[in-house]
Amino acid sequence: MKFIRNYLPLFFLILSPDIFILYSQGCVAIRQFSSCAGNSLESNLLGEGAFLVGMNYRYFKSFRHFRGTEEEPDRVTNNTEVINKSNAWDFSLNYGITVRLYGSIVIPVVLNSRSSLYEHGRSVRYSTFSRGVADIRVGLGYWLLNPGEHVNGNVAVGLGLKLPTGNYNASDIFYNVNPDGGSQVRPVDQSIQPGDGGFGITVDLQFYEKLAGDLFVYGGGFYLFNPMDTNGIRTFRETLSPLLLNEAIMSVPDQFSVRGGFLYGVSHAWSGSLGIRYDAVPVEDLIGGSKGFRRPGNVLSIDPGVGFMANNITLNLNVPFAVRRDRPQSITDKEIEDETGIPRNGDAAFADYLINFGVAYRFPAKTKNIKMNHELLHTFKNEGLDNQLYKN
């Protein structure tokens, strides 16, 4: 529906795919996706029969180690930090099934690297790599109010499915790991595996509301249920310490994200936003088992963004930066602490910020004219948008 696109150009960056972002945060395996039901409010405000195709690119570098909320700066000083670099491209297709019901599919492609000492005999730093298609997501979303009649605010709910299409046994060469100092091909760390090996279900909610003039408030969140317990892939962590025997196999963890903020329409083409977000891998899943190895963690970020729209093309840039990072006790940490009586909390590396850039193109629906009530039509005329209302 073009009248929505022209009246709400500022919304296209509110729910950028980096929450999808939850966004990946280094050693904590927060997968690079959010809701399966779509990537942005603008993407989901589609008329019946309209398409929107998009590509979103994300990059981060993690290297700051935390135990709980306390940073360990000596890791960087001593050159013992683990460095993860992640590049991800999400190719998406959204379709307006009706004015209120929309569907989407997201196909992610990743290129990851991980540099460390401890995984290669602790004496020389080497890197491992992973690449390829990650876990594909498909989903449906539904606006609770008719977008054509409620342009100043709305709420959408979504339900999606995460498919185990990504390689969850990506392997590379690990050096100095054999008793004779030789190398061995092993699965790469969980944090850079393209997939997790499990079917997942997501539920999500998103909303926006006009406060005054061109100022809006937005918010929402999603939860990924991963019922599978473990995926059968060996971590080799038990070779580092006998205490880590129960972390020998990778877990398939849940994850969730919540966010909110304000967005201001600078002009008909430009908009800016400022929000906060909280992304996390929980210690235990809500459904199913939580055995095996996982690095629980959470990140609180400030999320500024800028967006541009011209005709059917939209561009957006978000650079969320972390203000609080937390690596809580895992199940293994708690079990070892109970058994030994010695406080224990594993560490994880986090990024300072994420670069997220998206581009999308809308293919308007070739349908009959859209009917609107007289009051709303008068509003759009006052905004100078009446000449766009009946163009598809």
Protein backbone atom coordinates (compact mmCIF):
# COMPACT_ATOMS: atom_id res chain seq x y z
CA MET A 1 0.00 0.00 0.00
CA LYS A 2 1.80 3.07 -1.25
CA PHE A 3 0.00 5.51 0.98
CA ILE A 4 1.54 3.74 3.99
CA ARG A 5 4.98 3.89 2.47
CA ASN A 6 4.65 7.61 1.81
CA TYR A 7 3.14 8.42 5.18
CA LEU A 8 5.51 6.30 7.26
CA PRO A 9 8.91 6.50 5.51
CA LEU A 10 10.68 6.92 8.82
CA PHE A 11 9.84 3.45 10.10
CA PHE A 12 11.95 1.35 7.82
CA LEU A 13 14.94 1.14 10.14
CA ILE A 14 13.20 0.64 13.49
CA LEU A 15 13.50 -3.14 13.61
CA SER A 16 16.62 -3.63 11.53
CA PRO A 17 17.69 -7.24 10.99
CA ASP A 18 20.63 -7.04 13.38
CA ILE A 19 18.47 -8.11 16.24
CA PHE A 20 18.65 -10.19 14.13
CA ILE A 21 20.36 -8.81 16.02
CA LEU A 22 19.71 -10.38 18.64
CA TYR A 23 22.95 -9.60 17.01
CA SER A 24 25.94 -11.89 17.21
CA GLN A 25 28.26 -10.92 20.05
CA GLY A 26 31.52 -12.79 19.82
CA CYS A 27 31.99 -15.93 21.89
CA VAL A 28 28.37 -15.84 23.00
CA ALA A 29 26.58 -17.66 20.18
CA ILE A 30 23.75 -15.19 19.71
CA ARG A 31 22.70 -16.07 16.19
CA GLN A 32 22.43 -13.35 13.59
CA PHE A 33 18.67 -13.10 13.28
CA SER A 34 15.61 -11.82 15.00
CA SER A 35 12.00 -12.53 14.27
CA CYS A 36 11.24 -14.98 11.49
CA ALA A 37 8.27 -12.79 10.61
CA GLY A 38 10.23 -10.00 9.02
CA ASN A 39 13.04 -7.54 9.51
CA SER A 40 11.47 -4.09 9.84
CA LEU A 41 8.20 -2.34 10.33
CA GLU A 42 8.49 -0.77 6.90
CA SER A 43 9.10 -4.19 5.37
CA ASN A 44 5.94 -5.51 6.97
CA LEU A 45 3.71 -2.55 6.05
CA LEU A 46 2.86 -4.09 2.70
CA GLY A 47 -0.30 -3.97 0.65
CA GLU A 48 -1.90 -7.15 -0.61
CA GLY A 49 0.28 -8.62 -3.36
CA ALA A 50 3.27 -6.34 -2.74
CA PHE A 51 6.83 -7.68 -2.51
CA LEU A 52 9.91 -6.34 -0.79
CA VAL A 53 13.36 -7.81 -1.44
CA GLY A 54 16.30 -6.84 0.70
CA MET A 55 19.88 -7.47 1.72
CA ASN A 56 21.32 -6.69 5.11
CA TYR A 57 25.04 -6.78 5.95
CA ARG A 58 26.46 -6.99 9.46
CA TYR A 59 30.00 -6.94 10.81
CA PHE A 60 31.55 -7.09 14.26
CA LYS A 61 34.83 -7.89 15.96
CA SER A 62 34.77 -9.28 19.49
CA PHE A 63 37.84 -9.29 21.71
CA ARG A 64 36.93 -7.90 25.17
CA HIS A 65 36.64 -10.67 27.77
CA PHE A 66 34.12 -10.58 30.61
CA ARG A 67 33.38 -12.80 33.61
CA GLY A 68 29.98 -11.76 34.81
CA THR A 69 29.93 -8.02 34.19
CA GLU A 70 33.61 -7.53 35.03
CA GLU A 71 36.01 -7.01 32.13
CA GLU A 72 39.41 -8.71 32.07
CA PRO A 73 41.58 -6.10 30.32
CA ASP A 74 44.74 -8.13 30.91
CA ARG A 75 43.63 -10.54 28.18
CA VAL A 76 44.22 -7.85 25.56
CA THR A 77 47.36 -6.59 27.26
CA ASN A 78 48.85 -10.09 27.36
CA ASN A 79 47.70 -10.95 23.84
CA THR A 80 45.67 -13.92 25.10
CA GLU A 81 42.28 -12.64 23.98
CA VAL A 82 40.05 -14.60 21.61
CA ILE A 83 39.17 -12.57 18.51
CA ASN A 84 36.01 -13.35 16.55
CA LYS A 85 35.21 -11.57 13.30
CA SER A 86 31.81 -12.02 11.73
CA ASN A 87 30.47 -11.02 8.33
CA ALA A 88 26.84 -11.86 7.58
CA TRP A 89 24.58 -11.16 4.63
CA ASP A 90 20.84 -11.72 5.01
CA PHE A 91 18.82 -11.96 1.79
CA SER A 92 15.12 -11.51 2.48
CA LEU A 93 11.80 -11.61 0.68
CA ASN A 94 8.62 -10.20 2.25
CA TYR A 95 5.15 -10.60 0.75
CA GLY A 96 1.87 -8.94 1.62
CA ILE A 97 -0.67 -11.76 1.75
CA THR A 98 -3.36 -9.30 2.80
CA VAL A 99 -3.30 -5.74 4.10
CA ARG A 100 -2.68 -7.11 7.60
CA LEU A 101 -1.09 -10.53 7.05
CA TYR A 102 2.46 -10.80 5.70
CA GLY A 103 5.02 -13.55 5.20
CA SER A 104 8.79 -13.61 4.89
CA ILE A 105 11.78 -15.79 4.20
CA VAL A 106 15.34 -14.89 5.18
CA ILE A 107 18.38 -16.69 3.77
CA PRO A 108 21.56 -15.81 5.69
CA VAL A 109 25.11 -16.31 4.43
CA VAL A 110 28.05 -16.00 6.83
CA LEU A 111 31.83 -15.72 6.78
CA ASN A 112 33.38 -16.05 10.24
CA SER A 113 36.86 -16.29 11.70
CA ARG A 114 38.19 -17.01 15.18
CA SER A 115 41.75 -16.35 16.37
CA SER A 116 43.00 -17.79 19.65
CA LEU A 117 45.91 -19.24 21.59
CA TYR A 118 44.19 -21.70 23.92
CA GLU A 119 42.66 -23.74 21.08
CA HIS A 120 46.08 -24.28 19.48
CA GLY A 121 48.29 -25.45 22.33
CA ARG A 122 48.45 -22.02 24.04
CA SER A 123 51.83 -21.16 22.48
CA VAL A 124 51.09 -19.83 18.98
CA ARG A 125 48.03 -17.92 17.74
CA TYR A 126 46.15 -19.48 14.82
CA SER A 127 42.78 -18.85 13.19
CA THR A 128 39.85 -21.07 12.23
CA PHE A 129 37.16 -20.20 9.71
CA SER A 130 33.58 -21.04 8.77
CA ARG A 131 31.44 -19.97 5.85
CA GLY A 132 28.24 -20.79 3.99
CA VAL A 133 24.46 -20.63 4.31
CA ALA A 134 23.23 -20.35 7.89
CA ASP A 135 19.81 -21.28 9.32
CA ILE A 136 16.97 -20.14 7.05
CA ARG A 137 13.91 -18.56 8.67
CA VAL A 138 10.33 -18.44 7.42
CA GLY A 139 7.39 -16.85 9.17
CA LEU A 140 4.08 -15.02 9.24
CA GLY A 141 3.08 -11.77 10.91
CA TYR A 142 -0.22 -10.04 11.49
CA TRP A 143 -1.09 -6.41 12.23
CA LEU A 144 -3.77 -6.30 14.92
CA LEU A 145 -5.18 -3.05 13.49
CA ASN A 146 -5.87 -2.24 9.86
CA PRO A 147 -2.81 -0.22 8.73
CA GLY A 148 -4.97 1.77 6.31
CA GLU A 149 -7.11 3.06 9.15
CA HIS A 150 -4.50 3.33 11.91
CA VAL A 151 -1.50 5.12 10.47
CA ASN A 152 -0.44 6.65 13.80
CA GLY A 153 0.10 3.40 15.67
CA ASN A 154 -0.22 -0.34 15.40
CA VAL A 155 0.85 -3.67 16.89
CA ALA A 156 2.01 -6.76 15.01
CA VAL A 157 2.50 -10.31 16.26
CA GLY A 158 4.48 -13.00 14.50
CA LEU A 159 5.18 -16.71 14.46
CA GLY A 160 8.12 -18.26 12.66
CA LEU A 161 10.18 -21.38 12.06
CA LYS A 162 13.98 -21.64 12.06
CA LEU A 163 15.22 -24.44 9.83
CA PRO A 164 18.49 -26.33 10.51
CA THR A 165 19.92 -25.51 7.07
CA GLY A 166 23.23 -24.12 8.34
CA ASN A 167 26.26 -26.34 8.80
CA TYR A 168 26.58 -27.05 12.53
CA ASN A 169 29.67 -29.23 12.09
CA ALA A 170 31.91 -26.78 10.23
CA SER A 171 35.50 -27.90 10.78
CA ASP A 172 39.01 -26.55 10.36
CA ILE A 173 42.59 -27.34 11.32
CA PHE A 174 43.61 -26.96 14.96
CA TYR A 175 47.36 -26.83 15.57
CA ASN A 176 49.48 -28.19 18.43
CA VAL A 177 46.62 -30.25 19.86
CA ASN A 178 47.96 -33.81 19.54
CA PRO A 179 50.26 -35.29 22.19
CA ASP A 180 53.13 -35.05 19.69
CA GLY A 181 52.30 -31.43 18.92
CA GLY A 182 50.63 -32.25 15.64
CA SER A 183 47.49 -30.76 14.12
CA GLN A 184 43.97 -32.17 13.85
CA VAL A 185 40.77 -31.34 12.00
CA ARG A 186 38.04 -30.52 14.52
CA PRO A 187 34.68 -28.70 14.61
CA VAL A 188 35.17 -24.96 15.02
CA ASP A 189 33.94 -23.19 18.13
CA GLN A 190 30.20 -22.95 18.66
CA SER A 191 30.30 -19.15 18.29
CA ILE A 192 31.28 -19.31 14.60
CA GLN A 193 29.26 -22.34 13.51
CA PRO A 194 26.87 -21.21 10.72
CA GLY A 195 23.98 -23.20 12.24
CA ASP A 196 22.98 -24.83 15.52
CA GLY A 197 21.45 -28.04 14.17
CA GLY A 198 17.95 -27.63 15.60
CA PHE A 199 14.47 -26.69 14.48
CA GLY A 200 13.39 -23.53 16.29
CA ILE A 201 10.15 -21.63 16.81
CA THR A 202 9.99 -17.86 17.24
CA VAL A 203 7.27 -15.65 18.64
CA ASP A 204 7.54 -11.90 18.33
CA LEU A 205 5.78 -8.61 18.90
CA GLN A 206 6.41 -5.14 17.51
CA PHE A 207 4.63 -1.82 17.89
CA TYR A 208 4.86 1.85 17.06
CA GLU A 209 2.90 4.91 18.18
CA LYS A 210 2.96 8.52 17.07
CA LEU A 211 3.70 10.86 19.98
CA ALA A 212 3.62 14.27 18.32
CA GLY A 213 4.38 15.63 14.88
CA ASP A 214 7.05 13.43 13.32
CA LEU A 215 8.14 11.84 16.61
CA PHE A 216 7.31 8.18 17.21
CA VAL A 217 7.98 5.61 19.90
CA TYR A 218 8.67 1.99 18.93
CA GLY A 219 9.40 -1.29 20.65
CA GLY A 220 9.06 -5.03 20.63
CA GLY A 221 10.91 -8.27 21.06
CA PHE A 222 11.14 -11.91 20.14
CA TYR A 223 11.98 -15.26 21.68
CA LEU A 224 13.52 -18.24 19.90
CA PHE A 225 12.54 -21.61 21.36
CA ASN A 226 15.13 -24.29 20.57
CA PRO A 227 13.65 -27.50 22.05
CA MET A 228 16.57 -29.71 20.96
CA ASP A 229 18.96 -30.49 23.82
CA THR A 230 22.31 -31.09 22.09
CA ASN A 231 23.28 -31.51 18.43
CA GLY A 232 25.85 -34.31 18.76
CA ILE A 233 28.88 -32.22 17.72
CA ARG A 234 31.97 -32.63 19.87
CA THR A 235 33.59 -29.50 21.33
CA PHE A 236 36.84 -31.10 22.60
CA ARG A 237 36.52 -28.94 25.71
CA GLU A 238 36.95 -32.01 27.87
CA THR A 239 40.54 -32.15 26.59
CA LEU A 240 41.21 -28.78 28.25
CA SER A 241 40.10 -29.93 31.71
CA PRO A 242 38.44 -33.06 33.16
CA LEU A 243 35.98 -30.70 34.88
CA LEU A 244 34.50 -29.86 31.46
CA LEU A 245 33.43 -33.40 30.60
CA ASN A 246 29.75 -32.45 30.48
CA GLU A 247 30.61 -29.74 27.91
CA ALA A 248 31.96 -32.24 25.39
CA ILE A 249 28.88 -31.84 23.13
CA MET A 250 27.38 -28.59 21.82
CA SER A 251 24.08 -27.36 23.22
CA VAL A 252 21.27 -25.88 21.08
CA PRO A 253 20.32 -22.79 23.13
CA ASP A 254 17.34 -20.46 23.16
CA GLN A 255 17.84 -16.73 22.64
CA PHE A 256 15.75 -13.59 22.94
CA SER A 257 15.80 -9.84 22.38
CA VAL A 258 13.81 -6.81 23.53
CA ARG A 259 14.19 -3.25 22.27
CA GLY A 260 12.57 0.15 22.24
CA GLY A 261 13.24 3.77 21.46
CA PHE A 262 12.25 6.89 19.58
CA LEU A 263 12.33 7.79 15.92
CA TYR A 264 12.05 11.20 14.29
CA GLY A 265 11.23 11.96 10.68
CA VAL A 266 13.68 14.66 9.62
CA SER A 267 12.09 14.92 6.17
CA HIS A 268 10.02 12.81 3.77
CA ALA A 269 13.22 10.94 2.87
CA TRP A 270 15.40 10.98 6.01
CA SER A 271 14.80 9.69 9.51
CA GLY A 272 16.86 9.11 12.63
CA SER A 273 16.34 6.85 15.61
CA LEU A 274 17.78 6.27 19.06
CA GLY A 275 16.91 3.25 21.13
CA ILE A 276 18.12 0.60 23.53
CA ARG A 277 18.20 -3.16 23.11
CA TYR A 278 18.86 -6.18 25.29
CA ASP A 279 20.02 -9.38 23.61
CA ALA A 280 20.68 -12.66 25.40
CA VAL A 281 21.40 -16.37 25.34
CA PRO A 282 19.85 -17.69 28.58
CA VAL A 283 21.50 -20.16 30.92
CA GLU A 284 18.65 -22.64 30.43
CA ASP A 285 16.00 -23.14 27.75
CA LEU A 286 12.31 -22.63 28.43
CA ILE A 287 11.39 -25.84 26.58
CA GLY A 288 13.55 -28.94 26.29
CA GLY A 289 16.89 -29.79 27.86
CA SER A 290 19.85 -27.51 28.44
CA LYS A 291 22.71 -30.00 28.55
CA GLY A 292 25.98 -29.71 26.70
CA PHE A 293 28.14 -26.66 26.11
CA ARG A 294 26.83 -23.13 25.75
CA ARG A 295 28.14 -19.71 26.69
CA PRO A 296 25.24 -17.81 28.22
CA GLY A 297 25.51 -14.07 27.89
CA ASN A 298 23.64 -10.84 27.43
CA VAL A 299 24.34 -7.40 26.03
CA LEU A 300 22.68 -4.05 26.72
CA SER A 301 23.26 -1.63 23.84
CA ILE A 302 22.47 1.90 22.77
CA ASP A 303 21.18 1.70 19.21
CA PRO A 304 21.41 4.86 17.03
CA GLY A 305 20.35 4.70 13.41
CA VAL A 306 19.70 6.70 10.26
CA GLY A 307 17.50 5.86 7.30
CA PHE A 308 16.77 7.07 3.79
CA MET A 309 13.90 6.32 1.42
CA ALA A 310 13.47 7.41 -2.20
CA ASN A 311 10.69 6.01 -4.36
CA ASN A 312 10.81 2.24 -3.79
CA ILE A 313 14.35 2.03 -2.41
CA THR A 314 15.20 2.14 1.29
CA LEU A 315 18.61 2.32 2.96
CA ASN A 316 19.38 2.05 6.65
CA LEU A 317 22.44 2.13 8.88
CA ASN A 318 22.48 1.16 12.56
CA VAL A 319 25.54 1.04 14.80
CA PRO A 320 24.51 -0.36 18.20
CA PHE A 321 27.27 -0.13 20.80
CA ALA A 322 27.44 -2.11 24.01
CA VAL A 323 27.15 -0.34 27.37
CA ARG A 324 26.86 -3.46 29.55
CA ARG A 325 28.08 -6.99 28.87
CA ASP A 326 27.48 -9.99 31.09
CA ARG A 327 28.67 -13.58 30.94
CA PRO A 328 26.70 -15.24 33.78
CA GLN A 329 27.42 -18.61 35.34
CA SER A 330 26.64 -21.52 33.05
CA ILE A 331 25.15 -24.79 34.27
CA THR A 332 28.67 -26.26 34.31
CA ASP A 333 29.98 -23.32 36.32
CA LYS A 334 27.28 -23.83 38.95
CA GLU A 335 27.83 -27.60 39.11
CA ILE A 336 31.61 -27.25 39.54
CA GLU A 337 31.16 -24.54 42.18
CA ASP A 338 28.72 -26.74 44.13
CA GLU A 339 31.08 -29.72 43.87
CA THR A 340 34.32 -27.96 44.78
CA GLY A 341 33.08 -25.06 46.89
CA ILE A 342 35.24 -22.73 44.82
CA PRO A 343 33.54 -19.79 43.07
CA ARG A 344 33.55 -20.27 39.31
CA ASN A 345 32.39 -18.16 36.36
CA GLY A 346 33.52 -18.77 32.80
CA ASP A 347 34.44 -15.94 30.48
CA ALA A 348 33.40 -14.82 27.00
CA ALA A 349 34.58 -12.25 24.49
CA PHE A 350 32.24 -9.46 23.38
CA ALA A 351 32.29 -6.77 20.71
CA ASP A 352 32.22 -3.05 21.35
CA TYR A 353 29.81 -2.32 18.51
CA LEU A 354 28.10 -3.73 15.45
CA ILE A 355 27.86 -2.25 11.95
CA ASN A 356 24.55 -3.02 10.31
CA PHE A 357 23.67 -1.78 6.80
CA GLY A 358 20.55 -2.69 4.85
CA VAL A 359 19.09 -2.00 1.42
CA ALA A 360 15.65 -2.99 0.15
CA TYR A 361 13.51 -2.52 -2.93
CA ARG A 362 9.72 -2.60 -2.97
CA PHE A 363 7.66 -4.03 -5.82
CA PRO A 364 4.23 -2.44 -5.35
CA ALA A 365 1.13 -4.54 -5.83
CA LYS A 366 -0.78 -4.22 -9.10
CA THR A 367 -4.18 -4.10 -7.53
CA LYS A 368 -7.28 -2.00 -7.63
CA ASN A 369 -7.50 1.31 -5.83
CA ILE A 370 -7.32 1.34 -2.06
CA LYS A 371 -10.38 2.54 -0.24
CA MET A 372 -9.92 4.78 2.79
CA ASN A 373 -12.34 6.54 5.03
CA HIS A 374 -13.00 10.21 4.38
CA GLU A 375 -11.32 11.47 7.54
CA LEU A 376 -8.01 9.72 6.79
CA LEU A 377 -8.10 10.84 3.16
CA HIS A 378 -8.50 14.44 4.33
CA THR A 379 -5.50 13.97 6.63
CA PHE A 380 -3.31 12.76 3.80
CA LYS A 381 -4.44 15.65 1.58
CA ASN A 382 -3.31 18.03 4.28
CA GLU A 383 0.06 16.29 4.28
CA GLY A 384 0.35 16.73 0.53
CA LEU A 385 0.21 13.00 -0.10
CA ASP A 386 -3.18 12.70 -1.77
CA ASN A 387 -1.62 12.40 -5.23
CA GLN A 388 0.05 9.14 -4.12
CA LEU A 389 -2.92 7.38 -2.58
CA TYR A 390 -4.19 5.60 -5.64
CA LYS A 391 -0.93 4.80 -7.40
CA ASN A 392 0.32 1.22 -7.29
